Amino acid sequence: MGQKTRKRLLLAKIESTYGNDALPVVATDAVVCRSIEVTPIEGALLENPIIRPNFGNYAQIHVGTHVKLEVEVALAGSGTATTPPNWGVLARACGMAETIGVSDVTYNLASDGHESATLYFNQDGNLHALLGARGTVEFTLDSQGYPVAKFSFTGLFVDVSAAPQGSPDFSAVPNPISIEDGNTAFTLHGQSAVMSKLTIDLANDVAHRPALNGESVDIVDRKPAGSVVIDSPVVSTYDWFAKAKNNVADALQLIHGTVAGNILQIDAPKVQLLQPKYGDDKGTVTLEMSLSLIPDSAGDDEFVLTTK
């Protein structure tokens, strides 16, 4: 019998030593995923041409082999304000430092000291392990859905092995909450703009470095960006075009959820609006603007994600 597409499972655990298998287990490290896609063998192919009298292909050699994995998860809390969410390890492996406070869990950006994760992706008995995995993430908040995060990881290659998948228990993980009035509050540059869609991409530059005795996957830069779709007011009410033209950078905040343990908050203190253009949403004129998230004076503070 062939393998079943639906039988997919991801385990994730932070490594104590870079590239050393953290040995994630189903009971504590399984991640609730909407989708999982693996590129089992990534890297370059180098042809090995030889002098010969006849036509035909030459052998190709895989070099710089590594693995890529894309994971999409619904953003929900853990059910307890001070307990990290199910997807917390994934955020930490994307250059975000986790801090557990007295009433919340925060994820702040970091420019160094990045954690790495061991990821186990099991496709119906085939185990693809990524060691030293690091990545980037894009958040999407659509008024016709619920918050979603798409993680893109690069990890060190490990030979594929046969392993039983196991049966995770996700019953304690809360469902996501729909984005709508009563659940979600949004402000942009101090305005309670009517928002249809918001995306924020950390845009980490993730590089695989296949050096002898020191192969690694590193986050080497970060250029957070995004986009927003809001209803277009008349300029006498509020002039978004002037804000963009004058290069004004101001705050963005979104608070989603009302019950402790399943509240998500996004803060970006300096967001620049870029190249606004008109759009349409069921007959209502909208403004579609690109966003650039700029560090404030302290640095590493252009984006903060909080669960509480």
C-alpha atoms as a PDB file:
ATOM      1  CA  MET A   1       0.000   0.000   0.000  1.00  0.00           C
ATOM      2  CA  GLY A   2       1.290   3.469  -0.891  1.00  0.00           C
ATOM      3  CA  GLN A   3       1.996   6.193   1.628  1.00  0.00           C
ATOM      4  CA  LYS A   4      -0.842   8.557   2.479  1.00  0.00           C
ATOM      5  CA  THR A   5      -0.435  12.290   1.915  1.00  0.00           C
ATOM      6  CA  ARG A   6      -2.496  13.179   4.981  1.00  0.00           C
ATOM      7  CA  LYS A   7      -0.159  11.262   7.293  1.00  0.00           C
ATOM      8  CA  ARG A   8       2.237  14.093   8.054  1.00  0.00           C
ATOM      9  CA  LEU A   9       3.631  15.156  11.394  1.00  0.00           C
ATOM     10  CA  LEU A  10       6.114  17.802  12.514  1.00  0.00           C
ATOM     11  CA  LEU A  11       8.101  17.725  15.749  1.00  0.00           C
ATOM     12  CA  ALA A  12      10.220  20.717  16.818  1.00  0.00           C
ATOM     13  CA  LYS A  13      12.637  21.199  19.703  1.00  0.00           C
ATOM     14  CA  ILE A  14      15.270  23.830  20.492  1.00  0.00           C
ATOM     15  CA  GLU A  15      18.858  22.544  20.375  1.00  0.00           C
ATOM     16  CA  SER A  16      21.127  22.986  23.382  1.00  0.00           C
ATOM     17  CA  THR A  17      24.177  22.705  21.084  1.00  0.00           C
ATOM     18  CA  TYR A  18      24.006  23.854  17.492  1.00  0.00           C
ATOM     19  CA  GLY A  19      23.472  21.000  15.050  1.00  0.00           C
ATOM     20  CA  ASN A  20      23.195  18.318  17.752  1.00  0.00           C
ATOM     21  CA  ASP A  21      19.970  16.343  17.492  1.00  0.00           C
ATOM     22  CA  ALA A  22      17.624  17.576  20.232  1.00  0.00           C
ATOM     23  CA  LEU A  23      15.598  14.346  19.880  1.00  0.00           C
ATOM     24  CA  PRO A  24      12.066  15.785  19.813  1.00  0.00           C
ATOM     25  CA  VAL A  25       9.282  13.416  20.825  1.00  0.00           C
ATOM     26  CA  VAL A  26       5.611  13.193  19.919  1.00  0.00           C
ATOM     27  CA  ALA A  27       4.306  13.663  23.456  1.00  0.00           C
ATOM     28  CA  THR A  28       5.801  17.137  24.025  1.00  0.00           C
ATOM     29  CA  ASP A  29       7.130  18.483  20.718  1.00  0.00           C
ATOM     30  CA  ALA A  30       4.425  17.916  18.085  1.00  0.00           C
ATOM     31  CA  VAL A  31       3.306  21.040  16.208  1.00  0.00           C
ATOM     32  CA  VAL A  32      -0.240  21.673  14.996  1.00  0.00           C
ATOM     33  CA  CYS A  33       0.144  22.460  11.276  1.00  0.00           C
ATOM     34  CA  ARG A  34      -2.172  23.547   8.476  1.00  0.00           C
ATOM     35  CA  SER A  35       0.322  22.466   5.840  1.00  0.00           C
ATOM     36  CA  ILE A  36       3.836  21.031   5.652  1.00  0.00           C
ATOM     37  CA  GLU A  37       6.011  20.885   2.545  1.00  0.00           C
ATOM     38  CA  VAL A  38       9.549  19.507   2.462  1.00  0.00           C
ATOM     39  CA  THR A  39      12.309  19.796  -0.115  1.00  0.00           C
ATOM     40  CA  PRO A  40      14.295  16.704   0.913  1.00  0.00           C
ATOM     41  CA  ILE A  41      17.453  17.512  -1.061  1.00  0.00           C
ATOM     42  CA  GLU A  42      18.283  21.171  -1.717  1.00  0.00           C
ATOM     43  CA  GLY A  43      21.570  22.551  -2.992  1.00  0.00           C
ATOM     44  CA  ALA A  44      23.488  22.779  -6.247  1.00  0.00           C
ATOM     45  CA  LEU A  45      24.069  20.268  -9.015  1.00  0.00           C
ATOM     46  CA  LEU A  46      27.518  20.342 -10.587  1.00  0.00           C
ATOM     47  CA  GLU A  47      28.052  18.579 -13.869  1.00  0.00           C
ATOM     48  CA  ASN A  48      31.135  16.372 -14.207  1.00  0.00           C
ATOM     49  CA  PRO A  49      32.067  16.730 -17.891  1.00  0.00           C
ATOM     50  CA  ILE A  50      34.631  14.375 -19.363  1.00  0.00           C
ATOM     51  CA  ILE A  51      36.249  14.396 -22.776  1.00  0.00           C
ATOM     52  CA  ARG A  52      34.607  11.777 -24.984  1.00  0.00           C
ATOM     53  CA  PRO A  53      33.696  11.394 -28.651  1.00  0.00           C
ATOM     54  CA  ASN A  54      29.947  10.892 -28.249  1.00  0.00           C
ATOM     55  CA  PHE A  55      26.906  12.912 -27.218  1.00  0.00           C
ATOM     56  CA  GLY A  56      25.042  12.429 -23.968  1.00  0.00           C
ATOM     57  CA  ASN A  57      24.594  13.595 -20.410  1.00  0.00           C
ATOM     58  CA  TYR A  58      27.371  13.820 -17.877  1.00  0.00           C
ATOM     59  CA  ALA A  59      27.025  12.749 -14.276  1.00  0.00           C
ATOM     60  CA  GLN A  60      25.755  15.438 -11.927  1.00  0.00           C
ATOM     61  CA  ILE A  61      27.013  15.765  -8.376  1.00  0.00           C
ATOM     62  CA  HIS A  62      24.899  17.063  -5.485  1.00  0.00           C
ATOM     63  CA  VAL A  63      26.898  19.666  -3.547  1.00  0.00           C
ATOM     64  CA  GLY A  64      26.029  21.829  -0.549  1.00  0.00           C
ATOM     65  CA  THR A  65      23.158  19.498   0.269  1.00  0.00           C
ATOM     66  CA  HIS A  66      20.646  20.723   2.843  1.00  0.00           C
ATOM     67  CA  VAL A  67      16.907  20.533   3.509  1.00  0.00           C
ATOM     68  CA  LYS A  68      14.109  23.092   3.286  1.00  0.00           C
ATOM     69  CA  LEU A  69      10.781  22.915   5.051  1.00  0.00           C
ATOM     70  CA  GLU A  70       7.737  25.186   4.840  1.00  0.00           C
ATOM     71  CA  VAL A  71       5.166  25.043   7.615  1.00  0.00           C
ATOM     72  CA  GLU A  72       1.894  26.927   7.942  1.00  0.00           C
ATOM     73  CA  VAL A  73       0.225  27.193  11.341  1.00  0.00           C
ATOM     74  CA  ALA A  74      -2.810  28.931  12.765  1.00  0.00           C
ATOM     75  CA  LEU A  75      -1.841  31.508  15.378  1.00  0.00           C
ATOM     76  CA  ALA A  76      -3.515  30.745  18.665  1.00  0.00           C
ATOM     77  CA  GLY A  77      -2.409  30.968  22.264  1.00  0.00           C
ATOM     78  CA  SER A  78      -1.617  28.046  24.519  1.00  0.00           C
ATOM     79  CA  GLY A  79      -4.716  28.404  26.681  1.00  0.00           C
ATOM     80  CA  THR A  80      -2.621  29.819  29.535  1.00  0.00           C
ATOM     81  CA  ALA A  81      -1.301  33.380  29.371  1.00  0.00           C
ATOM     82  CA  THR A  82       2.190  32.525  30.626  1.00  0.00           C
ATOM     83  CA  THR A  83       2.678  29.274  28.712  1.00  0.00           C
ATOM     84  CA  PRO A  84       4.359  29.480  25.278  1.00  0.00           C
ATOM     85  CA  PRO A  85       2.093  28.622  22.347  1.00  0.00           C
ATOM     86  CA  ASN A  86       2.370  25.391  20.393  1.00  0.00           C
ATOM     87  CA  TRP A  87       4.278  27.215  17.628  1.00  0.00           C
ATOM     88  CA  GLY A  88       6.689  28.955  20.017  1.00  0.00           C
ATOM     89  CA  VAL A  89       9.717  26.825  19.112  1.00  0.00           C
ATOM     90  CA  LEU A  90       9.237  27.722  15.445  1.00  0.00           C
ATOM     91  CA  ALA A  91       9.278  31.444  16.281  1.00  0.00           C
ATOM     92  CA  ARG A  92      12.437  31.027  18.368  1.00  0.00           C
ATOM     93  CA  ALA A  93      14.191  29.338  15.444  1.00  0.00           C
ATOM     94  CA  CYS A  94      13.372  32.399  13.323  1.00  0.00           C
ATOM     95  CA  GLY A  95      15.524  34.811  15.306  1.00  0.00           C
ATOM     96  CA  MET A  96      12.952  35.688  17.969  1.00  0.00           C
ATOM     97  CA  ALA A  97      13.880  35.630  21.650  1.00  0.00           C
ATOM     98  CA  GLU A  98      11.189  34.224  23.934  1.00  0.00           C
ATOM     99  CA  THR A  99      10.558  35.808  27.343  1.00  0.00           C
ATOM    100  CA  ILE A 100       8.019  34.361  29.761  1.00  0.00           C
ATOM    101  CA  GLY A 101       6.657  37.168  31.932  1.00  0.00           C
ATOM    102  CA  VAL A 102       4.245  37.361  34.843  1.00  0.00           C
ATOM    103  CA  SER A 103       1.230  37.767  32.547  1.00  0.00           C
ATOM    104  CA  ASP A 104       2.378  37.013  29.010  1.00  0.00           C
ATOM    105  CA  VAL A 105       4.953  35.517  26.657  1.00  0.00           C
ATOM    106  CA  THR A 106       6.822  37.904  24.355  1.00  0.00           C
ATOM    107  CA  TYR A 107       8.841  37.273  21.219  1.00  0.00           C
ATOM    108  CA  ASN A 108      11.387  40.000  20.493  1.00  0.00           C
ATOM    109  CA  LEU A 109      13.718  40.216  17.528  1.00  0.00           C
ATOM    110  CA  ALA A 110      17.417  39.485  17.949  1.00  0.00           C
ATOM    111  CA  SER A 111      20.401  40.280  15.736  1.00  0.00           C
ATOM    112  CA  ASP A 112      22.691  37.658  17.270  1.00  0.00           C
ATOM    113  CA  GLY A 113      22.611  34.657  19.581  1.00  0.00           C
ATOM    114  CA  HIS A 114      19.972  32.998  17.422  1.00  0.00           C
ATOM    115  CA  GLU A 115      18.609  29.690  18.638  1.00  0.00           C
ATOM    116  CA  SER A 116      18.352  26.680  16.350  1.00  0.00           C
ATOM    117  CA  ALA A 117      15.924  23.789  16.280  1.00  0.00           C
ATOM    118  CA  THR A 118      15.827  20.140  15.402  1.00  0.00           C
ATOM    119  CA  LEU A 119      12.824  19.511  13.158  1.00  0.00           C
ATOM    120  CA  TYR A 120      11.460  16.039  12.483  1.00  0.00           C
ATOM    121  CA  PHE A 121       9.088  15.795   9.535  1.00  0.00           C
ATOM    122  CA  ASN A 122       7.499  12.371   9.245  1.00  0.00           C
ATOM    123  CA  GLN A 123       5.734  11.547   5.985  1.00  0.00           C
ATOM    124  CA  ASP A 124       3.888   8.326   6.757  1.00  0.00           C
ATOM    125  CA  GLY A 125       6.950   6.533   8.084  1.00  0.00           C
ATOM    126  CA  ASN A 126       9.702   8.415   6.242  1.00  0.00           C
ATOM    127  CA  LEU A 127      11.559  10.618   8.726  1.00  0.00           C
ATOM    128  CA  HIS A 128      13.211  13.763   7.348  1.00  0.00           C
ATOM    129  CA  ALA A 129      15.302  15.326  10.117  1.00  0.00           C
ATOM    130  CA  LEU A 130      16.610  18.889   9.881  1.00  0.00           C
ATOM    131  CA  LEU A 131      19.377  19.740  12.317  1.00  0.00           C
ATOM    132  CA  GLY A 132      20.519  23.275  13.112  1.00  0.00           C
ATOM    133  CA  ALA A 133      17.362  24.616  11.486  1.00  0.00           C
ATOM    134  CA  ARG A 134      16.751  28.340  11.273  1.00  0.00           C
ATOM    135  CA  GLY A 135      14.270  30.273   9.204  1.00  0.00           C
ATOM    136  CA  THR A 136      11.975  33.178   8.604  1.00  0.00           C
ATOM    137  CA  VAL A 137       8.256  33.752   9.019  1.00  0.00           C
ATOM    138  CA  GLU A 138       5.421  35.705   7.436  1.00  0.00           C
ATOM    139  CA  PHE A 139       2.232  36.553   9.346  1.00  0.00           C
ATOM    140  CA  THR A 140      -1.095  37.002   7.561  1.00  0.00           C
ATOM    141  CA  LEU A 141      -4.177  38.478   9.215  1.00  0.00           C
ATOM    142  CA  ASP A 142      -7.186  38.550   6.911  1.00  0.00           C
ATOM    143  CA  SER A 143     -10.598  39.830   7.979  1.00  0.00           C
ATOM    144  CA  GLN A 144     -12.128  36.828   6.227  1.00  0.00           C
ATOM    145  CA  GLY A 145     -10.161  34.324   8.282  1.00  0.00           C
ATOM    146  CA  TYR A 146      -7.940  33.898  11.331  1.00  0.00           C
ATOM    147  CA  PRO A 147      -4.240  34.676  11.936  1.00  0.00           C
ATOM    148  CA  VAL A 148      -1.809  32.422  10.099  1.00  0.00           C
ATOM    149  CA  ALA A 149       1.992  32.165  10.146  1.00  0.00           C
ATOM    150  CA  LYS A 150       4.048  30.636   7.346  1.00  0.00           C
ATOM    151  CA  PHE A 151       7.496  29.486   8.466  1.00  0.00           C
ATOM    152  CA  SER A 152      10.276  28.699   5.986  1.00  0.00           C
ATOM    153  CA  PHE A 153      13.203  26.718   7.407  1.00  0.00           C
ATOM    154  CA  THR A 154      16.608  25.607   6.190  1.00  0.00           C
ATOM    155  CA  GLY A 155      18.372  22.785   8.001  1.00  0.00           C
ATOM    156  CA  LEU A 156      21.372  20.505   7.827  1.00  0.00           C
ATOM    157  CA  PHE A 157      20.808  17.299   5.867  1.00  0.00           C
ATOM    158  CA  VAL A 158      20.378  13.958   7.604  1.00  0.00           C
ATOM    159  CA  ASP A 159      19.820  10.700   5.728  1.00  0.00           C
ATOM    160  CA  VAL A 160      16.130   9.866   5.500  1.00  0.00           C
ATOM    161  CA  SER A 161      15.199   6.997   7.795  1.00  0.00           C
ATOM    162  CA  ALA A 162      12.188   4.823   8.519  1.00  0.00           C
ATOM    163  CA  ALA A 163      10.403   5.681  11.764  1.00  0.00           C
ATOM    164  CA  PRO A 164       6.891   5.231  13.144  1.00  0.00           C
ATOM    165  CA  GLN A 165       4.910   8.448  13.097  1.00  0.00           C
ATOM    166  CA  GLY A 166       3.201   8.208  16.456  1.00  0.00           C
ATOM    167  CA  SER A 167      -0.097   9.765  17.523  1.00  0.00           C
ATOM    168  CA  PRO A 168       0.047  13.301  18.940  1.00  0.00           C
ATOM    169  CA  ASP A 169      -2.594  14.696  21.274  1.00  0.00           C
ATOM    170  CA  PHE A 170      -3.574  18.225  20.219  1.00  0.00           C
ATOM    171  CA  SER A 171      -6.704  18.421  22.374  1.00  0.00           C
ATOM    172  CA  ALA A 172      -5.198  21.083  24.677  1.00  0.00           C
ATOM    173  CA  VAL A 173      -4.280  23.462  21.833  1.00  0.00           C
ATOM    174  CA  PRO A 174      -6.954  26.183  21.444  1.00  0.00           C
ATOM    175  CA  ASN A 175      -8.589  26.860  18.117  1.00  0.00           C
ATOM    176  CA  PRO A 176      -7.721  30.156  16.404  1.00  0.00           C
ATOM    177  CA  ILE A 177     -10.145  33.065  16.677  1.00  0.00           C
ATOM    178  CA  SER A 178     -11.730  34.754  13.681  1.00  0.00           C
ATOM    179  CA  ILE A 179     -10.551  38.258  12.810  1.00  0.00           C
ATOM    180  CA  GLU A 180     -13.596  40.487  13.205  1.00  0.00           C
ATOM    181  CA  ASP A 181     -15.109  43.307  15.238  1.00  0.00           C
ATOM    182  CA  GLY A 182     -15.368  42.301  18.859  1.00  0.00           C
ATOM    183  CA  ASN A 183     -12.327  40.045  18.562  1.00  0.00           C
ATOM    184  CA  THR A 184      -9.728  42.313  16.979  1.00  0.00           C
ATOM    185  CA  ALA A 185      -8.543  45.896  17.515  1.00  0.00           C
ATOM    186  CA  PHE A 186      -6.259  47.558  14.962  1.00  0.00           C
ATOM    187  CA  THR A 187      -4.559  50.945  14.834  1.00  0.00           C
ATOM    188  CA  LEU A 188      -2.150  52.331  12.254  1.00  0.00           C
ATOM    189  CA  HIS A 189      -0.395  55.662  12.821  1.00  0.00           C
ATOM    190  CA  GLY A 190      -2.847  56.295  15.653  1.00  0.00           C
ATOM    191  CA  GLN A 191      -5.887  55.752  13.432  1.00  0.00           C
ATOM    192  CA  SER A 192      -8.496  53.025  13.915  1.00  0.00           C
ATOM    193  CA  ALA A 193      -8.382  52.268  10.214  1.00  0.00           C
ATOM    194  CA  VAL A 194     -10.897  49.837   8.736  1.00  0.00           C
ATOM    195  CA  MET A 195      -8.537  46.977   7.924  1.00  0.00           C
ATOM    196  CA  SER A 196      -9.206  44.120   5.512  1.00  0.00           C
ATOM    197  CA  LYS A 197      -5.800  42.446   5.453  1.00  0.00           C
ATOM    198  CA  LEU A 198      -2.409  42.781   7.115  1.00  0.00           C
ATOM    199  CA  THR A 199       0.785  40.890   6.337  1.00  0.00           C
ATOM    200  CA  ILE A 200       4.113  41.167   8.129  1.00  0.00           C
ATOM    201  CA  ASP A 201       7.166  39.325   6.841  1.00  0.00           C
ATOM    202  CA  LEU A 202      10.267  39.206   9.053  1.00  0.00           C
ATOM    203  CA  ALA A 203      12.235  38.633   5.835  1.00  0.00           C
ATOM    204  CA  ASN A 204      15.192  36.999   7.538  1.00  0.00           C
ATOM    205  CA  ASP A 205      18.108  36.341   5.193  1.00  0.00           C
ATOM    206  CA  VAL A 206      18.828  32.677   5.922  1.00  0.00           C
ATOM    207  CA  ALA A 207      22.066  31.263   4.521  1.00  0.00           C
ATOM    208  CA  HIS A 208      23.364  27.706   4.383  1.00  0.00           C
ATOM    209  CA  ARG A 209      27.150  27.651   4.782  1.00  0.00           C
ATOM    210  CA  PRO A 210      28.620  24.229   3.884  1.00  0.00           C
ATOM    211  CA  ALA A 211      32.018  24.778   5.506  1.00  0.00           C
ATOM    212  CA  LEU A 212      34.101  21.794   6.607  1.00  0.00           C
ATOM    213  CA  ASN A 213      34.000  21.195  10.365  1.00  0.00           C
ATOM    214  CA  GLY A 214      31.575  24.070  10.686  1.00  0.00           C
ATOM    215  CA  GLU A 215      28.572  23.593   8.411  1.00  0.00           C
ATOM    216  CA  SER A 216      25.753  25.829   9.549  1.00  0.00           C
ATOM    217  CA  VAL A 217      22.536  27.612   8.724  1.00  0.00           C
ATOM    218  CA  ASP A 218      22.648  31.250   9.815  1.00  0.00           C
ATOM    219  CA  ILE A 219      20.365  34.263   9.904  1.00  0.00           C
ATOM    220  CA  VAL A 220      22.611  36.937   8.423  1.00  0.00           C
ATOM    221  CA  ASP A 221      20.212  39.869   8.061  1.00  0.00           C
ATOM    222  CA  ARG A 222      16.601  40.934   8.513  1.00  0.00           C
ATOM    223  CA  LYS A 223      14.470  43.431   6.571  1.00  0.00           C
ATOM    224  CA  PRO A 224      10.928  43.255   7.975  1.00  0.00           C
ATOM    225  CA  ALA A 225       8.263  44.373   5.544  1.00  0.00           C
ATOM    226  CA  GLY A 226       4.571  43.932   4.994  1.00  0.00           C
ATOM    227  CA  SER A 227       1.396  45.225   3.451  1.00  0.00           C
ATOM    228  CA  VAL A 228      -1.968  46.472   4.596  1.00  0.00           C
ATOM    229  CA  VAL A 229      -5.359  46.979   2.989  1.00  0.00           C
ATOM    230  CA  ILE A 230      -7.613  49.572   4.625  1.00  0.00           C
ATOM    231  CA  ASP A 231     -10.720  51.499   3.610  1.00  0.00           C
ATOM    232  CA  SER A 232      -9.841  54.764   1.879  1.00  0.00           C
ATOM    233  CA  PRO A 233     -11.164  57.885   3.625  1.00  0.00           C
ATOM    234  CA  VAL A 234     -11.470  61.292   2.005  1.00  0.00           C
ATOM    235  CA  VAL A 235      -8.202  63.166   2.551  1.00  0.00           C
ATOM    236  CA  SER A 236      -9.948  65.858   4.591  1.00  0.00           C
ATOM    237  CA  THR A 237     -10.634  63.137   7.172  1.00  0.00           C
ATOM    238  CA  TYR A 238      -7.154  61.631   7.069  1.00  0.00           C
ATOM    239  CA  ASP A 239      -4.487  61.974   4.408  1.00  0.00           C
ATOM    240  CA  TRP A 240      -2.640  58.665   4.061  1.00  0.00           C
ATOM    241  CA  PHE A 241      -1.025  59.894   0.854  1.00  0.00           C
ATOM    242  CA  ALA A 242       0.676  62.757   2.707  1.00  0.00           C
ATOM    243  CA  LYS A 243       1.911  60.353   5.377  1.00  0.00           C
ATOM    244  CA  ALA A 244       3.496  58.209   2.696  1.00  0.00           C
ATOM    245  CA  LYS A 245       4.877  61.123   0.664  1.00  0.00           C
ATOM    246  CA  ASN A 246       6.425  62.714   3.767  1.00  0.00           C
ATOM    247  CA  ASN A 247       8.052  59.429   4.848  1.00  0.00           C
ATOM    248  CA  VAL A 248       6.304  59.411   8.211  1.00  0.00           C
ATOM    249  CA  ALA A 249       7.027  56.375  10.395  1.00  0.00           C
ATOM    250  CA  ASP A 250       4.582  55.701  13.209  1.00  0.00           C
ATOM    251  CA  ALA A 251       3.139  52.850  15.236  1.00  0.00           C
ATOM    252  CA  LEU A 252       1.093  49.831  14.230  1.00  0.00           C
ATOM    253  CA  GLN A 253      -0.728  47.711  16.784  1.00  0.00           C
ATOM    254  CA  LEU A 254      -3.082  44.770  16.531  1.00  0.00           C
ATOM    255  CA  ILE A 255      -4.671  43.034  19.517  1.00  0.00           C
ATOM    256  CA  HIS A 256      -6.554  39.861  18.675  1.00  0.00           C
ATOM    257  CA  GLY A 257      -8.650  37.871  21.122  1.00  0.00           C
ATOM    258  CA  THR A 258     -10.379  38.710  24.383  1.00  0.00           C
ATOM    259  CA  VAL A 259      -9.885  35.679  26.625  1.00  0.00           C
ATOM    260  CA  ALA A 260      -6.651  35.255  28.579  1.00  0.00           C
ATOM    261  CA  GLY A 261      -4.584  32.422  27.175  1.00  0.00           C
ATOM    262  CA  ASN A 262      -5.682  33.083  23.606  1.00  0.00           C
ATOM    263  CA  ILE A 263      -4.781  36.722  22.989  1.00  0.00           C
ATOM    264  CA  LEU A 264      -2.274  37.728  20.327  1.00  0.00           C
ATOM    265  CA  GLN A 265      -0.697  41.195  20.158  1.00  0.00           C
ATOM    266  CA  ILE A 266       1.505  42.667  17.441  1.00  0.00           C
ATOM    267  CA  ASP A 267       3.428  45.902  18.010  1.00  0.00           C
ATOM    268  CA  ALA A 268       5.595  47.755  15.522  1.00  0.00           C
ATOM    269  CA  PRO A 269       6.621  51.224  16.797  1.00  0.00           C
ATOM    270  CA  LYS A 270       7.907  52.709  13.524  1.00  0.00           C
ATOM    271  CA  VAL A 271       6.115  51.658  10.355  1.00  0.00           C
ATOM    272  CA  GLN A 272       6.614  53.551   7.131  1.00  0.00           C
ATOM    273  CA  LEU A 273       3.843  53.546   4.514  1.00  0.00           C
ATOM    274  CA  LEU A 274       5.020  53.020   0.943  1.00  0.00           C
ATOM    275  CA  GLN A 275       3.394  53.668  -2.434  1.00  0.00           C
ATOM    276  CA  PRO A 276      -0.325  53.598  -1.581  1.00  0.00           C
ATOM    277  CA  LYS A 277      -2.677  52.636  -4.378  1.00  0.00           C
ATOM    278  CA  TYR A 278      -6.419  52.245  -4.729  1.00  0.00           C
ATOM    279  CA  GLY A 279      -8.176  48.910  -4.634  1.00  0.00           C
ATOM    280  CA  ASP A 280     -11.704  47.575  -4.369  1.00  0.00           C
ATOM    281  CA  ASP A 281     -13.397  45.424  -1.748  1.00  0.00           C
ATOM    282  CA  LYS A 282     -16.971  44.576  -2.721  1.00  0.00           C
ATOM    283  CA  GLY A 283     -17.614  48.083  -3.994  1.00  0.00           C
ATOM    284  CA  THR A 284     -15.711  49.927  -1.262  1.00  0.00           C
ATOM    285  CA  VAL A 285     -12.584  51.870  -2.220  1.00  0.00           C
ATOM    286  CA  THR A 286      -9.526  50.606  -0.394  1.00  0.00           C
ATOM    287  CA  LEU A 287      -5.928  51.688  -0.016  1.00  0.00           C
ATOM    288  CA  GLU A 288      -3.250  49.061  -0.479  1.00  0.00           C
ATOM    289  CA  MET A 289       0.072  50.086   1.059  1.00  0.00           C
ATOM    290  CA  SER A 290       3.409  48.378   1.447  1.00  0.00           C
ATOM    291  CA  LEU A 291       4.964  48.607   4.902  1.00  0.00           C
ATOM    292  CA  SER A 292       8.551  48.951   6.076  1.00  0.00           C
ATOM    293  CA  LEU A 293       9.205  48.169   9.738  1.00  0.00           C
ATOM    294  CA  ILE A 294      12.037  50.344  11.049  1.00  0.00           C
ATOM    295  CA  PRO A 295      13.974  49.824  14.296  1.00  0.00           C
ATOM    296  CA  ASP A 296      13.489  52.388  17.032  1.00  0.00           C
ATOM    297  CA  SER A 297      16.435  53.795  18.993  1.00  0.00           C
ATOM    298  CA  ALA A 298      17.144  50.593  20.937  1.00  0.00           C
ATOM    299  CA  GLY A 299      17.289  48.366  17.858  1.00  0.00           C
ATOM    300  CA  ASP A 300      15.791  44.887  17.479  1.00  0.00           C
ATOM    301  CA  ASP A 301      12.460  46.450  18.428  1.00  0.00           C
ATOM    302  CA  GLU A 302      10.766  46.963  15.074  1.00  0.00           C
ATOM    303  CA  PHE A 303       8.402  44.052  15.753  1.00  0.00           C
ATOM    304  CA  VAL A 304       7.165  42.452  18.965  1.00  0.00           C
ATOM    305  CA  LEU A 305       4.795  39.502  19.152  1.00  0.00           C
ATOM    306  CA  THR A 306       3.038  38.812  22.446  1.00  0.00           C
ATOM    307  CA  THR A 307       0.710  36.044  23.560  1.00  0.00           C
ATOM    308  CA  LYS A 308      -1.257  36.518  26.746  1.00  0.00           C
END
